[in-house]
Amino acid sequence: MIGSLGMPELLFILVLALLIFGPRKLPDIGRTMGKAMGEFRRATRDLKRTLDTEISAEEASRPADPAPVVPAAVDPAPAAVPDTVPATQPSAPTPPTTQAPAPPESPSAPDLTPAEGPSREPE
C-alpha cells in the first residue's frame, strides 16, 4: 500500500503528524511504531515456521503409498467364461422374477397408532 503513496502524500502525512503530536512526541511515536512493526514481522515469521513444521511432521507420519487391501474371500482369478454359446445348445428363457407376498399381520398385535380426539394435557 505504501508503494501507491507518492512524495507529496508522504510529506503531507509527516507535516500533519508533526502538527498533531509536536516535535517532542514524534520521535517516540516513530520508535514505538517501528518496534510494533518489528514484533509483528517476528510473530508472522514464527507462525509461518510453526505451520511449516507441523505440516512436514504430518506428511512424514502419513504413509506414502498405502498397500491395496484385498479381501481374503475374493478369488483374484475369475472363472473362465466362454465367449460364445455353442450352436447345438438352445438357450433357455429366464423365468420372470416375482416378489414374495408379505406375511399376514397377526390380529393379536396391539394398535400403536394414537387415538383420535381431543388430547388432555396434565394440569
PDB file of N, CA and C in Angstrom:
ATOM      1  N   MET A   1       0.809  -1.184   0.000  1.00  0.00           N
ATOM      2  CA  MET A   1       0.000   0.000   0.000  1.00  0.00           C
ATOM      3  C   MET A   1       0.858   1.256   0.000  1.00  0.00           C
ATOM      4  N   ILE A   2       1.971   1.206   0.694  1.00  0.00           N
ATOM      5  CA  ILE A   2       2.814   2.397   0.757  1.00  0.00           C
ATOM      6  C   ILE A   2       3.376   2.692  -0.622  1.00  0.00           C
ATOM      7  N   GLY A   3       3.531   1.712  -1.464  1.00  0.00           N
ATOM      8  CA  GLY A   3       4.046   1.919  -2.811  1.00  0.00           C
ATOM      9  C   GLY A   3       3.156   2.829  -3.629  1.00  0.00           C
ATOM     10  N   SER A   4       1.865   2.887  -3.310  1.00  0.00           N
ATOM     11  CA  SER A   4       0.960   3.735  -4.084  1.00  0.00           C
ATOM     12  C   SER A   4       0.994   5.190  -3.617  1.00  0.00           C
ATOM     13  N   LEU A   5       1.636   5.471  -2.467  1.00  0.00           N
ATOM     14  CA  LEU A   5       1.753   6.851  -1.982  1.00  0.00           C
ATOM     15  C   LEU A   5       2.952   7.518  -2.651  1.00  0.00           C
ATOM     16  N   GLY A   6       2.743   8.721  -3.116  1.00  0.00           N
ATOM     17  CA  GLY A   6       3.829   9.481  -3.726  1.00  0.00           C
ATOM     18  C   GLY A   6       4.511  10.358  -2.698  1.00  0.00           C
ATOM     19  N   MET A   7       5.503  11.121  -3.155  1.00  0.00           N
ATOM     20  CA  MET A   7       6.242  12.003  -2.263  1.00  0.00           C
ATOM     21  C   MET A   7       5.354  13.104  -1.681  1.00  0.00           C
ATOM     22  N   PRO A   8       4.463  13.743  -2.457  1.00  0.00           N
ATOM     23  CA  PRO A   8       3.609  14.782  -1.857  1.00  0.00           C
ATOM     24  C   PRO A   8       2.703  14.234  -0.751  1.00  0.00           C
ATOM     25  N   GLU A   9       2.167  13.019  -0.915  1.00  0.00           N
ATOM     26  CA  GLU A   9       1.305  12.431   0.100  1.00  0.00           C
ATOM     27  C   GLU A   9       2.078  12.138   1.384  1.00  0.00           C
ATOM     28  N   LEU A  10       3.302  11.602   1.244  1.00  0.00           N
ATOM     29  CA  LEU A  10       4.118  11.312   2.418  1.00  0.00           C
ATOM     30  C   LEU A  10       4.489  12.590   3.167  1.00  0.00           C
ATOM     31  N   LEU A  11       4.828  13.657   2.443  1.00  0.00           N
ATOM     32  CA  LEU A  11       5.149  14.934   3.082  1.00  0.00           C
ATOM     33  C   LEU A  11       3.941  15.487   3.826  1.00  0.00           C
ATOM     34  N   PHE A  12       2.768  15.385   3.232  1.00  0.00           N
ATOM     35  CA  PHE A  12       1.555  15.871   3.869  1.00  0.00           C
ATOM     36  C   PHE A  12       1.285  15.124   5.175  1.00  0.00           C
ATOM     37  N   ILE A  13       1.435  13.780   5.148  1.00  0.00           N
ATOM     38  CA  ILE A  13       1.213  12.967   6.348  1.00  0.00           C
ATOM     39  C   ILE A  13       2.235  13.330   7.425  1.00  0.00           C
ATOM     40  N   LEU A  14       3.498  13.533   7.047  1.00  0.00           N
ATOM     41  CA  LEU A  14       4.540  13.883   8.002  1.00  0.00           C
ATOM     42  C   LEU A  14       4.276  15.241   8.644  1.00  0.00           C
ATOM     43  N   VAL A  15       3.889  16.236   7.845  1.00  0.00           N
ATOM     44  CA  VAL A  15       3.582  17.560   8.377  1.00  0.00           C
ATOM     45  C   VAL A  15       2.359  17.490   9.286  1.00  0.00           C
ATOM     46  N   LEU A  16       1.348  16.760   8.913  1.00  0.00           N
ATOM     47  CA  LEU A  16       0.150  16.612   9.732  1.00  0.00           C
ATOM     48  C   LEU A  16       0.484  15.957  11.078  1.00  0.00           C
ATOM     49  N   ALA A  17       1.309  14.904  11.063  1.00  0.00           N
ATOM     50  CA  ALA A  17       1.715  14.238  12.297  1.00  0.00           C
ATOM     51  C   ALA A  17       2.533  15.189  13.171  1.00  0.00           C
ATOM     52  N   LEU A  18       3.396  16.007  12.553  1.00  0.00           N
ATOM     53  CA  LEU A  18       4.201  16.973  13.306  1.00  0.00           C
ATOM     54  C   LEU A  18       3.313  18.006  13.978  1.00  0.00           C
ATOM     55  N   LEU A  19       2.271  18.466  13.278  1.00  0.00           N
ATOM     56  CA  LEU A  19       1.365  19.456  13.857  1.00  0.00           C
ATOM     57  C   LEU A  19       0.506  18.851  14.979  1.00  0.00           C
ATOM     58  N   ILE A  20       0.078  17.604  14.817  1.00  0.00           N
ATOM     59  CA  ILE A  20      -0.805  16.988  15.810  1.00  0.00           C
ATOM     60  C   ILE A  20      -0.028  16.599  17.065  1.00  0.00           C
ATOM     61  N   PHE A  21       1.114  15.909  16.898  1.00  0.00           N
ATOM     62  CA  PHE A  21       1.828  15.365  18.046  1.00  0.00           C
ATOM     63  C   PHE A  21       2.937  16.283  18.568  1.00  0.00           C
ATOM     64  N   GLY A  22       3.446  17.155  17.762  1.00  0.00           N
ATOM     65  CA  GLY A  22       4.514  18.058  18.196  1.00  0.00           C
ATOM     66  C   GLY A  22       5.879  17.441  17.979  1.00  0.00           C
ATOM     67  N   PRO A  23       6.927  18.291  18.004  1.00  0.00           N
ATOM     68  CA  PRO A  23       8.277  17.804  17.724  1.00  0.00           C
ATOM     69  C   PRO A  23       8.847  16.915  18.833  1.00  0.00           C
ATOM     70  N   ARG A  24       8.340  17.005  20.053  1.00  0.00           N
ATOM     71  CA  ARG A  24       8.888  16.193  21.147  1.00  0.00           C
ATOM     72  C   ARG A  24       8.344  14.764  21.132  1.00  0.00           C
ATOM     73  N   LYS A  25       7.082  14.599  20.800  1.00  0.00           N
ATOM     74  CA  LYS A  25       6.448  13.270  20.823  1.00  0.00           C
ATOM     75  C   LYS A  25       6.690  12.486  19.533  1.00  0.00           C
ATOM     76  N   LEU A  26       6.987  13.140  18.423  1.00  0.00           N
ATOM     77  CA  LEU A  26       7.113  12.468  17.128  1.00  0.00           C
ATOM     78  C   LEU A  26       8.195  11.379  17.131  1.00  0.00           C
ATOM     79  N   PRO A  27       9.401  11.601  17.685  1.00  0.00           N
ATOM     80  CA  PRO A  27      10.392  10.513  17.707  1.00  0.00           C
ATOM     81  C   PRO A  27       9.930   9.319  18.544  1.00  0.00           C
ATOM     82  N   ASP A  28       9.250   9.566  19.661  1.00  0.00           N
ATOM     83  CA  ASP A  28       8.749   8.459  20.486  1.00  0.00           C
ATOM     84  C   ASP A  28       7.704   7.641  19.735  1.00  0.00           C
ATOM     85  N   ILE A  29       6.834   8.334  19.031  1.00  0.00           N
ATOM     86  CA  ILE A  29       5.792   7.647  18.253  1.00  0.00           C
ATOM     87  C   ILE A  29       6.433   6.822  17.144  1.00  0.00           C
ATOM     88  N   GLY A  30       7.418   7.381  16.460  1.00  0.00           N
ATOM     89  CA  GLY A  30       8.124   6.648  15.398  1.00  0.00           C
ATOM     90  C   GLY A  30       8.816   5.408  15.931  1.00  0.00           C
ATOM     91  N   ARG A  31       9.474   5.545  17.104  1.00  0.00           N
ATOM     92  CA  ARG A  31      10.165   4.421  17.724  1.00  0.00           C
ATOM     93  C   ARG A  31       9.168   3.322  18.110  1.00  0.00           C
ATOM     94  N   THR A  32       8.045   3.723  18.679  1.00  0.00           N
ATOM     95  CA  THR A  32       7.012   2.757  19.086  1.00  0.00           C
ATOM     96  C   THR A  32       6.432   2.041  17.864  1.00  0.00           C
ATOM     97  N   MET A  33       6.187   2.797  16.795  1.00  0.00           N
ATOM     98  CA  MET A  33       5.661   2.182  15.560  1.00  0.00           C
ATOM     99  C   MET A  33       6.671   1.203  14.965  1.00  0.00           C
ATOM    100  N   GLY A  34       7.955   1.552  14.982  1.00  0.00           N
ATOM    101  CA  GLY A  34       8.994   0.656  14.464  1.00  0.00           C
ATOM    102  C   GLY A  34       9.077  -0.639  15.257  1.00  0.00           C
ATOM    103  N   LYS A  35       9.005  -0.518  16.593  1.00  0.00           N
ATOM    104  CA  LYS A  35       9.043  -1.718  17.433  1.00  0.00           C
ATOM    105  C   LYS A  35       7.815  -2.604  17.187  1.00  0.00           C
ATOM    106  N   ALA A  36       6.663  -1.973  17.038  1.00  0.00           N
ATOM    107  CA  ALA A  36       5.437  -2.737  16.799  1.00  0.00           C
ATOM    108  C   ALA A  36       5.504  -3.475  15.463  1.00  0.00           C
ATOM    109  N   MET A  37       6.014  -2.800  14.428  1.00  0.00           N
ATOM    110  CA  MET A  37       6.135  -3.457  13.113  1.00  0.00           C
ATOM    111  C   MET A  37       7.139  -4.605  13.163  1.00  0.00           C
ATOM    112  N   GLY A  38       8.259  -4.415  13.879  1.00  0.00           N
ATOM    113  CA  GLY A  38       9.247  -5.487  14.020  1.00  0.00           C
ATOM    114  C   GLY A  38       8.676  -6.690  14.753  1.00  0.00           C
ATOM    115  N   GLU A  39       7.924  -6.426  15.814  1.00  0.00           N
ATOM    116  CA  GLU A  39       7.297  -7.514  16.574  1.00  0.00           C
ATOM    117  C   GLU A  39       6.266  -8.263  15.721  1.00  0.00           C
ATOM    118  N   PHE A  40       5.524  -7.519  14.911  1.00  0.00           N
ATOM    119  CA  PHE A  40       4.536  -8.149  14.026  1.00  0.00           C
ATOM    120  C   PHE A  40       5.229  -9.040  13.003  1.00  0.00           C
ATOM    121  N   ARG A  41       6.312  -8.569  12.415  1.00  0.00           N
ATOM    122  CA  ARG A  41       7.066  -9.384  11.443  1.00  0.00           C
ATOM    123  C   ARG A  41       7.617 -10.637  12.098  1.00  0.00           C
ATOM    124  N   ARG A  42       8.156 -10.497  13.306  1.00  0.00           N
ATOM    125  CA  ARG A  42       8.724 -11.633  14.028  1.00  0.00           C
ATOM    126  C   ARG A  42       7.635 -12.666  14.339  1.00  0.00           C
ATOM    127  N   ALA A  43       6.490 -12.204  14.795  1.00  0.00           N
ATOM    128  CA  ALA A  43       5.393 -13.129  15.107  1.00  0.00           C
ATOM    129  C   ALA A  43       4.893 -13.829  13.847  1.00  0.00           C
ATOM    130  N   THR A  44       4.828 -13.099  12.736  1.00  0.00           N
ATOM    131  CA  THR A  44       4.392 -13.698  11.471  1.00  0.00           C
ATOM    132  C   THR A  44       5.383 -14.760  11.013  1.00  0.00           C
ATOM    133  N   ARG A  45       6.659 -14.473  11.132  1.00  0.00           N
ATOM    134  CA  ARG A  45       7.705 -15.417  10.732  1.00  0.00           C
ATOM    135  C   ARG A  45       7.654 -16.670  11.609  1.00  0.00           C
ATOM    136  N   ASP A  46       7.460 -16.496  12.933  1.00  0.00           N
ATOM    137  CA  ASP A  46       7.364 -17.646  13.829  1.00  0.00           C
ATOM    138  C   ASP A  46       6.136 -18.499  13.536  1.00  0.00           C
ATOM    139  N   LEU A  47       5.018 -17.852  13.242  1.00  0.00           N
ATOM    140  CA  LEU A  47       3.801 -18.595  12.906  1.00  0.00           C
ATOM    141  C   LEU A  47       3.995 -19.395  11.626  1.00  0.00           C
ATOM    142  N   LYS A  48       4.620 -18.788  10.630  1.00  0.00           N
ATOM    143  CA  LYS A  48       4.853 -19.483   9.361  1.00  0.00           C
ATOM    144  C   LYS A  48       5.791 -20.676   9.577  1.00  0.00           C
ATOM    145  N   ARG A  49       6.822 -20.497  10.378  1.00  0.00           N
ATOM    146  CA  ARG A  49       7.769 -21.574  10.658  1.00  0.00           C
ATOM    147  C   ARG A  49       7.067 -22.710  11.401  1.00  0.00           C
ATOM    148  N   THR A  50       6.206 -22.376  12.364  1.00  0.00           N
ATOM    149  CA  THR A  50       5.481 -23.399  13.117  1.00  0.00           C
ATOM    150  C   THR A  50       4.539 -24.181  12.208  1.00  0.00           C
ATOM    151  N   LEU A  51       3.824 -23.481  11.342  1.00  0.00           N
ATOM    152  CA  LEU A  51       2.913 -24.164  10.416  1.00  0.00           C
ATOM    153  C   LEU A  51       3.678 -25.079   9.467  1.00  0.00           C
ATOM    154  N   ASP A  52       4.807 -24.619   8.945  1.00  0.00           N
ATOM    155  CA  ASP A  52       5.602 -25.460   8.048  1.00  0.00           C
ATOM    156  C   ASP A  52       6.110 -26.710   8.772  1.00  0.00           C
ATOM    157  N   THR A  53       6.523 -26.550  10.024  1.00  0.00           N
ATOM    158  CA  THR A  53       6.999 -27.690  10.803  1.00  0.00           C
ATOM    159  C   THR A  53       5.876 -28.693  11.044  1.00  0.00           C
ATOM    160  N   GLU A  54       4.698 -28.199  11.398  1.00  0.00           N
ATOM    161  CA  GLU A  54       3.556 -29.090  11.647  1.00  0.00           C
ATOM    162  C   GLU A  54       3.139 -29.815  10.377  1.00  0.00           C
ATOM    163  N   ILE A  55       3.136 -29.125   9.273  1.00  0.00           N
ATOM    164  CA  ILE A  55       2.731 -29.748   8.001  1.00  0.00           C
ATOM    165  C   ILE A  55       3.735 -30.825   7.600  1.00  0.00           C
ATOM    166  N   SER A  56       5.030 -30.539   7.730  1.00  0.00           N
ATOM    167  CA  SER A  56       6.029 -31.540   7.359  1.00  0.00           C
ATOM    168  C   SER A  56       5.984 -32.741   8.305  1.00  0.00           C
ATOM    169  N   ALA A  57       5.696 -32.516   9.599  1.00  0.00           N
ATOM    170  CA  ALA A  57       5.573 -33.636  10.536  1.00  0.00           C
ATOM    171  C   ALA A  57       4.352 -34.480  10.197  1.00  0.00           C
ATOM    172  N   GLU A  58       3.262 -33.840   9.791  1.00  0.00           N
ATOM    173  CA  GLU A  58       2.049 -34.575   9.405  1.00  0.00           C
ATOM    174  C   GLU A  58       2.295 -35.403   8.151  1.00  0.00           C
ATOM    175  N   GLU A  59       3.010 -34.846   7.189  1.00  0.00           N
ATOM    176  CA  GLU A  59       3.300 -35.585   5.961  1.00  0.00           C
ATOM    177  C   GLU A  59       4.246 -36.738   6.228  1.00  0.00           C
ATOM    178  N   ALA A  60       5.177 -36.580   7.169  1.00  0.00           N
ATOM    179  CA  ALA A  60       6.115 -37.649   7.492  1.00  0.00           C
ATOM    180  C   ALA A  60       5.413 -38.793   8.214  1.00  0.00           C
ATOM    181  N   SER A  61       4.400 -38.498   9.022  1.00  0.00           N
ATOM    182  CA  SER A  61       3.710 -39.552   9.758  1.00  0.00           C
ATOM    183  C   SER A  61       2.698 -40.299   8.894  1.00  0.00           C
ATOM    184  N   ARG A  62       2.274 -39.704   7.816  1.00  0.00           N
ATOM    185  CA  ARG A  62       1.317 -40.342   6.915  1.00  0.00           C
ATOM    186  C   ARG A  62       2.059 -41.323   6.002  1.00  0.00           C
ATOM    187  N   PRO A  63       1.516 -42.528   5.782  1.00  0.00           N
ATOM    188  CA  PRO A  63       2.188 -43.464   4.872  1.00  0.00           C
ATOM    189  C   PRO A  63       2.198 -42.902   3.455  1.00  0.00           C
ATOM    190  N   ALA A  64       3.300 -43.118   2.768  1.00  0.00           N
ATOM    191  CA  ALA A  64       3.474 -42.548   1.430  1.00  0.00           C
ATOM    192  C   ALA A  64       2.502 -43.155   0.429  1.00  0.00           C
ATOM    193  N   ASP A  65       2.468 -44.498   0.335  1.00  0.00           N
ATOM    194  CA  ASP A  65       1.591 -45.165  -0.633  1.00  0.00           C
ATOM    195  C   ASP A  65       0.994 -46.382   0.047  1.00  0.00           C
ATOM    196  N   PRO A  66      -0.236 -46.282   0.546  1.00  0.00           N
ATOM    197  CA  PRO A  66      -0.817 -47.431   1.251  1.00  0.00           C
ATOM    198  C   PRO A  66      -1.024 -48.603   0.299  1.00  0.00           C
ATOM    199  N   ALA A  67      -0.752 -49.813   0.798  1.00  0.00           N
ATOM    200  CA  ALA A  67      -0.932 -51.014   0.000  1.00  0.00           C
ATOM    201  C   ALA A  67      -2.424 -51.287  -0.156  1.00  0.00           C
ATOM    202  N   PRO A  68      -2.846 -51.726  -1.350  1.00  0.00           N
ATOM    203  CA  PRO A  68      -4.270 -52.015  -1.537  1.00  0.00           C
ATOM    204  C   PRO A  68      -4.680 -53.229  -0.714  1.00  0.00           C
ATOM    205  N   VAL A  69      -5.855 -53.151  -0.131  1.00  0.00           N
ATOM    206  CA  VAL A  69      -6.379 -54.230   0.702  1.00  0.00           C
ATOM    207  C   VAL A  69      -7.256 -55.115  -0.167  1.00  0.00           C
ATOM    208  N   VAL A  70      -6.908 -56.417  -0.219  1.00  0.00           N
ATOM    209  CA  VAL A  70      -7.670 -57.387  -0.999  1.00  0.00           C
ATOM    210  C   VAL A  70      -8.336 -58.331  -0.021  1.00  0.00           C
ATOM    211  N   PRO A  71      -9.672 -58.418  -0.044  1.00  0.00           N
ATOM    212  CA  PRO A  71     -10.350 -59.338   0.872  1.00  0.00           C
ATOM    213  C   PRO A  71      -9.930 -60.778   0.588  1.00  0.00           C
ATOM    214  N   ALA A  72      -9.848 -61.593   1.640  1.00  0.00           N
ATOM    215  CA  ALA A  72      -9.401 -62.979   1.505  1.00  0.00           C
ATOM    216  C   ALA A  72     -10.433 -63.845   0.791  1.00  0.00           C
ATOM    217  N   ALA A  73     -11.711 -63.505   0.858  1.00  0.00           N
ATOM    218  CA  ALA A  73     -12.761 -64.335   0.275  1.00  0.00           C
ATOM    219  C   ALA A  73     -12.876 -64.156  -1.235  1.00  0.00           C
ATOM    220  N   VAL A  74     -12.274 -63.153  -1.797  1.00  0.00           N
ATOM    221  CA  VAL A  74     -12.397 -62.901  -3.227  1.00  0.00           C
ATOM    222  C   VAL A  74     -11.303 -63.658  -3.959  1.00  0.00           C
ATOM    223  N   ASP A  75     -11.704 -64.394  -4.992  1.00  0.00           N
ATOM    224  CA  ASP A  75     -10.750 -65.130  -5.813  1.00  0.00           C
ATOM    225  C   ASP A  75     -10.137 -64.155  -6.810  1.00  0.00           C
ATOM    226  N   PRO A  76      -8.815 -63.952  -6.800  1.00  0.00           N
ATOM    227  CA  PRO A  76      -8.219 -62.978  -7.716  1.00  0.00           C
ATOM    228  C   PRO A  76      -8.323 -63.389  -9.176  1.00  0.00           C
ATOM    229  N   ALA A  77      -8.414 -64.698  -9.481  1.00  0.00           N
ATOM    230  CA  ALA A  77      -8.521 -65.155 -10.865  1.00  0.00           C
ATOM    231  C   ALA A  77      -9.975 -65.508 -11.145  1.00  0.00           C
ATOM    232  N   PRO A  78     -10.673 -64.764 -12.017  1.00  0.00           N
ATOM    233  CA  PRO A  78     -12.072 -65.088 -12.306  1.00  0.00           C
ATOM    234  C   PRO A  78     -12.176 -66.386 -13.099  1.00  0.00           C
ATOM    235  N   ALA A  79     -13.310 -67.058 -12.957  1.00  0.00           N
ATOM    236  CA  ALA A  79     -13.546 -68.312 -13.674  1.00  0.00           C
ATOM    237  C   ALA A  79     -13.656 -68.021 -15.164  1.00  0.00           C
ATOM    238  N   ALA A  80     -13.225 -68.965 -15.960  1.00  0.00           N
ATOM    239  CA  ALA A  80     -13.255 -68.797 -17.407  1.00  0.00           C
ATOM    240  C   ALA A  80     -14.701 -68.865 -17.898  1.00  0.00           C
ATOM    241  N   VAL A  81     -15.112 -67.859 -18.644  1.00  0.00           N
ATOM    242  CA  VAL A  81     -16.461 -67.795 -19.192  1.00  0.00           C
ATOM    243  C   VAL A  81     -16.329 -67.875 -20.707  1.00  0.00           C
ATOM    244  N   PRO A  82     -17.056 -68.815 -21.348  1.00  0.00           N
ATOM    245  CA  PRO A  82     -16.938 -68.905 -22.816  1.00  0.00           C
ATOM    246  C   PRO A  82     -17.519 -67.662 -23.467  1.00  0.00           C
ATOM    247  N   ASP A  83     -16.861 -67.226 -24.544  1.00  0.00           N
ATOM    248  CA  ASP A  83     -17.305 -66.030 -25.253  1.00  0.00           C
ATOM    249  C   ASP A  83     -18.580 -66.271 -26.049  1.00  0.00           C
ATOM    250  N   THR A  84     -18.749 -67.470 -26.591  1.00  0.00           N
ATOM    251  CA  THR A  84     -19.930 -67.760 -27.407  1.00  0.00           C
ATOM    252  C   THR A  84     -20.634 -68.996 -26.852  1.00  0.00           C
ATOM    253  N   VAL A  85     -21.925 -69.076 -27.137  1.00  0.00           N
ATOM    254  CA  VAL A  85     -22.721 -70.222 -26.733  1.00  0.00           C
ATOM    255  C   VAL A  85     -22.684 -71.216 -27.897  1.00  0.00           C
ATOM    256  N   PRO A  86     -22.459 -72.511 -27.623  1.00  0.00           N
ATOM    257  CA  PRO A  86     -22.436 -73.483 -28.729  1.00  0.00           C
ATOM    258  C   PRO A  86     -23.774 -73.500 -29.469  1.00  0.00           C
ATOM    259  N   ALA A  87     -23.728 -73.734 -30.771  1.00  0.00           N
ATOM    260  CA  ALA A  87     -24.919 -73.695 -31.619  1.00  0.00           C
ATOM    261  C   ALA A  87     -25.850 -74.871 -31.357  1.00  0.00           C
ATOM    262  N   THR A  88     -25.380 -75.975 -30.831  1.00  0.00           N
ATOM    263  CA  THR A  88     -26.209 -77.153 -30.614  1.00  0.00           C
ATOM    264  C   THR A  88     -27.058 -77.038 -29.352  1.00  0.00           C
ATOM    265  N   GLN A  89     -26.729 -76.108 -28.469  1.00  0.00           N
ATOM    266  CA  GLN A  89     -27.470 -75.999 -27.214  1.00  0.00           C
ATOM    267  C   GLN A  89     -28.352 -74.753 -27.268  1.00  0.00           C
ATOM    268  N   PRO A  90     -29.697 -74.921 -27.277  1.00  0.00           N
ATOM    269  CA  PRO A  90     -30.565 -73.744 -27.297  1.00  0.00           C
ATOM    270  C   PRO A  90     -30.542 -73.064 -25.928  1.00  0.00           C
ATOM    271  N   SER A  91     -30.679 -71.780 -25.957  1.00  0.00           N
ATOM    272  CA  SER A  91     -30.684 -71.048 -24.687  1.00  0.00           C
ATOM    273  C   SER A  91     -32.086 -71.113 -24.078  1.00  0.00           C
ATOM    274  N   ALA A  92     -32.149 -71.334 -22.788  1.00  0.00           N
ATOM    275  CA  ALA A  92     -33.419 -71.451 -22.087  1.00  0.00           C
ATOM    276  C   ALA A  92     -33.878 -70.053 -21.677  1.00  0.00           C
ATOM    277  N   PRO A  93     -35.185 -69.804 -21.811  1.00  0.00           N
ATOM    278  CA  PRO A  93     -35.663 -68.493 -21.381  1.00  0.00           C
ATOM    279  C   PRO A  93     -35.558 -68.361 -19.864  1.00  0.00           C
ATOM    280  N   THR A  94     -35.263 -67.171 -19.426  1.00  0.00           N
ATOM    281  CA  THR A  94     -35.139 -66.950 -17.980  1.00  0.00           C
ATOM    282  C   THR A  94     -36.529 -66.734 -17.395  1.00  0.00           C
ATOM    283  N   PRO A  95     -36.799 -67.342 -16.246  1.00  0.00           N
ATOM    284  CA  PRO A  95     -38.123 -67.178 -15.639  1.00  0.00           C
ATOM    285  C   PRO A  95     -38.253 -65.761 -15.083  1.00  0.00           C
ATOM    286  N   PRO A  96     -39.463 -65.209 -15.131  1.00  0.00           N
ATOM    287  CA  PRO A  96     -39.651 -63.867 -14.580  1.00  0.00           C
ATOM    288  C   PRO A  96     -39.495 -63.887 -13.061  1.00  0.00           C
ATOM    289  N   THR A  97     -38.955 -62.802 -12.544  1.00  0.00           N
ATOM    290  CA  THR A  97     -38.769 -62.731 -11.098  1.00  0.00           C
ATOM    291  C   THR A  97     -40.041 -62.187 -10.476  1.00  0.00           C
ATOM    292  N   THR A  98     -40.420 -62.801  -9.373  1.00  0.00           N
ATOM    293  CA  THR A  98     -41.622 -62.355  -8.668  1.00  0.00           C
ATOM    294  C   THR A  98     -41.246 -62.023  -7.242  1.00  0.00           C
ATOM    295  N   GLN A  99     -41.975 -61.101  -6.676  1.00  0.00           N
ATOM    296  CA  GLN A  99     -41.729 -60.713  -5.292  1.00  0.00           C
ATOM    297  C   GLN A  99     -42.626 -61.547  -4.391  1.00  0.00           C
ATOM    298  N   ALA A 100     -42.063 -62.029  -3.310  1.00  0.00           N
ATOM    299  CA  ALA A 100     -42.820 -62.856  -2.377  1.00  0.00           C
ATOM    300  C   ALA A 100     -43.871 -62.000  -1.684  1.00  0.00           C
ATOM    301  N   PRO A 101     -45.078 -62.553  -1.459  1.00  0.00           N
ATOM    302  CA  PRO A 101     -46.111 -61.770  -0.790  1.00  0.00           C
ATOM    303  C   PRO A 101     -45.722 -61.492   0.655  1.00  0.00           C
ATOM    304  N   ALA A 102     -46.190 -60.388   1.168  1.00  0.00           N
ATOM    305  CA  ALA A 102     -45.895 -60.008   2.554  1.00  0.00           C
ATOM    306  C   ALA A 102     -46.648 -60.931   3.496  1.00  0.00           C
ATOM    307  N   PRO A 103     -46.050 -61.280   4.631  1.00  0.00           N
ATOM    308  CA  PRO A 103     -46.742 -62.176   5.576  1.00  0.00           C
ATOM    309  C   PRO A 103     -47.938 -61.446   6.179  1.00  0.00           C
ATOM    310  N   PRO A 104     -49.019 -62.164   6.447  1.00  0.00           N
ATOM    311  CA  PRO A 104     -50.214 -61.529   7.020  1.00  0.00           C
ATOM    312  C   PRO A 104     -49.914 -61.039   8.439  1.00  0.00           C
ATOM    313  N   GLU A 105     -50.552 -59.931   8.795  1.00  0.00           N
ATOM    314  CA  GLU A 105     -50.351 -59.388  10.136  1.00  0.00           C
ATOM    315  C   GLU A 105     -51.193 -60.198  11.124  1.00  0.00           C
ATOM    316  N   SER A 106     -50.652 -60.379  12.289  1.00  0.00           N
ATOM    317  CA  SER A 106     -51.379 -61.157  13.293  1.00  0.00           C
ATOM    318  C   SER A 106     -52.442 -60.261  13.930  1.00  0.00           C
ATOM    319  N   PRO A 107     -53.632 -60.797  14.191  1.00  0.00           N
ATOM    320  CA  PRO A 107     -54.704 -59.980  14.775  1.00  0.00           C
ATOM    321  C   PRO A 107     -54.439 -59.625  16.235  1.00  0.00           C
ATOM    322  N   SER A 108     -53.502 -60.318  16.890  1.00  0.00           N
ATOM    323  CA  SER A 108     -53.266 -60.044  18.301  1.00  0.00           C
ATOM    324  C   SER A 108     -52.271 -58.896  18.515  1.00  0.00           C
ATOM    325  N   ALA A 109     -51.739 -58.329  17.460  1.00  0.00           N
ATOM    326  CA  ALA A 109     -50.762 -57.236  17.605  1.00  0.00           C
ATOM    327  C   ALA A 109     -51.485 -55.981  18.068  1.00  0.00           C
ATOM    328  N   PRO A 110     -50.948 -55.290  19.073  1.00  0.00           N
ATOM    329  CA  PRO A 110     -51.624 -54.079  19.581  1.00  0.00           C
ATOM    330  C   PRO A 110     -51.520 -52.942  18.566  1.00  0.00           C
ATOM    331  N   ASP A 111     -52.537 -52.107  18.563  1.00  0.00           N
ATOM    332  CA  ASP A 111     -52.574 -50.964  17.664  1.00  0.00           C
ATOM    333  C   ASP A 111     -51.757 -49.842  18.296  1.00  0.00           C
ATOM    334  N   LEU A 112     -50.683 -49.404  17.635  1.00  0.00           N
ATOM    335  CA  LEU A 112     -49.782 -48.407  18.193  1.00  0.00           C
ATOM    336  C   LEU A 112     -50.064 -47.008  17.659  1.00  0.00           C
ATOM    337  N   THR A 113     -51.136 -46.833  16.889  1.00  0.00           N
ATOM    338  CA  THR A 113     -51.449 -45.502  16.368  1.00  0.00           C
ATOM    339  C   THR A 113     -52.146 -44.708  17.450  1.00  0.00           C
ATOM    340  N   PRO A 114     -51.885 -43.385  17.519  1.00  0.00           N
ATOM    341  CA  PRO A 114     -52.547 -42.585  18.568  1.00  0.00           C
ATOM    342  C   PRO A 114     -54.041 -42.477  18.315  1.00  0.00           C
ATOM    343  N   ALA A 115     -54.782 -42.470  19.372  1.00  0.00           N
ATOM    344  CA  ALA A 115     -56.235 -42.372  19.262  1.00  0.00           C
ATOM    345  C   ALA A 115     -56.605 -40.957  18.854  1.00  0.00           C
ATOM    346  N   GLU A 116     -57.607 -40.857  17.995  1.00  0.00           N
ATOM    347  CA  GLU A 116     -58.045 -39.541  17.555  1.00  0.00           C
ATOM    348  C   GLU A 116     -58.987 -38.947  18.602  1.00  0.00           C
ATOM    349  N   GLY A 117     -59.051 -37.638  18.625  1.00  0.00           N
ATOM    350  CA  GLY A 117     -59.930 -36.976  19.583  1.00  0.00           C
ATOM    351  C   GLY A 117     -59.136 -35.928  20.340  1.00  0.00           C
ATOM    352  N   PRO A 118     -59.827 -35.215  21.211  1.00  0.00           N
ATOM    353  CA  PRO A 118     -59.121 -34.163  21.953  1.00  0.00           C
ATOM    354  C   PRO A 118     -58.136 -34.774  22.929  1.00  0.00           C
ATOM    355  N   SER A 119     -56.988 -34.176  22.984  1.00  0.00           N
ATOM    356  CA  SER A 119     -55.974 -34.682  23.914  1.00  0.00           C
ATOM    357  C   SER A 119     -56.004 -33.820  25.152  1.00  0.00           C
ATOM    358  N   ARG A 120     -55.803 -34.442  26.257  1.00  0.00           N
ATOM    359  CA  ARG A 120     -55.799 -33.707  27.527  1.00  0.00           C
ATOM    360  C   ARG A 120     -54.361 -33.544  27.994  1.00  0.00           C
ATOM    361  N   GLU A 121     -54.068 -32.356  28.376  1.00  0.00           N
ATOM    362  CA  GLU A 121     -52.748 -32.094  28.922  1.00  0.00           C
ATOM    363  C   GLU A 121     -52.845 -32.143  30.424  1.00  0.00           C
ATOM    364  N   PRO A 122     -51.817 -32.647  31.103  1.00  0.00           N
ATOM    365  CA  PRO A 122     -51.862 -32.693  32.557  1.00  0.00           C
ATOM    366  C   PRO A 122     -51.825 -31.283  33.133  1.00  0.00           C
ATOM    367  N   GLU A 123     -52.547 -31.100  34.207  1.00  0.00           N
ATOM    368  CA  GLU A 123     -52.637 -29.757  34.802  1.00  0.00           C
ATOM    369  C   GLU A 123     -51.639 -29.582  35.891  1.00  0.00           C
TER     370      GLU A 123
END
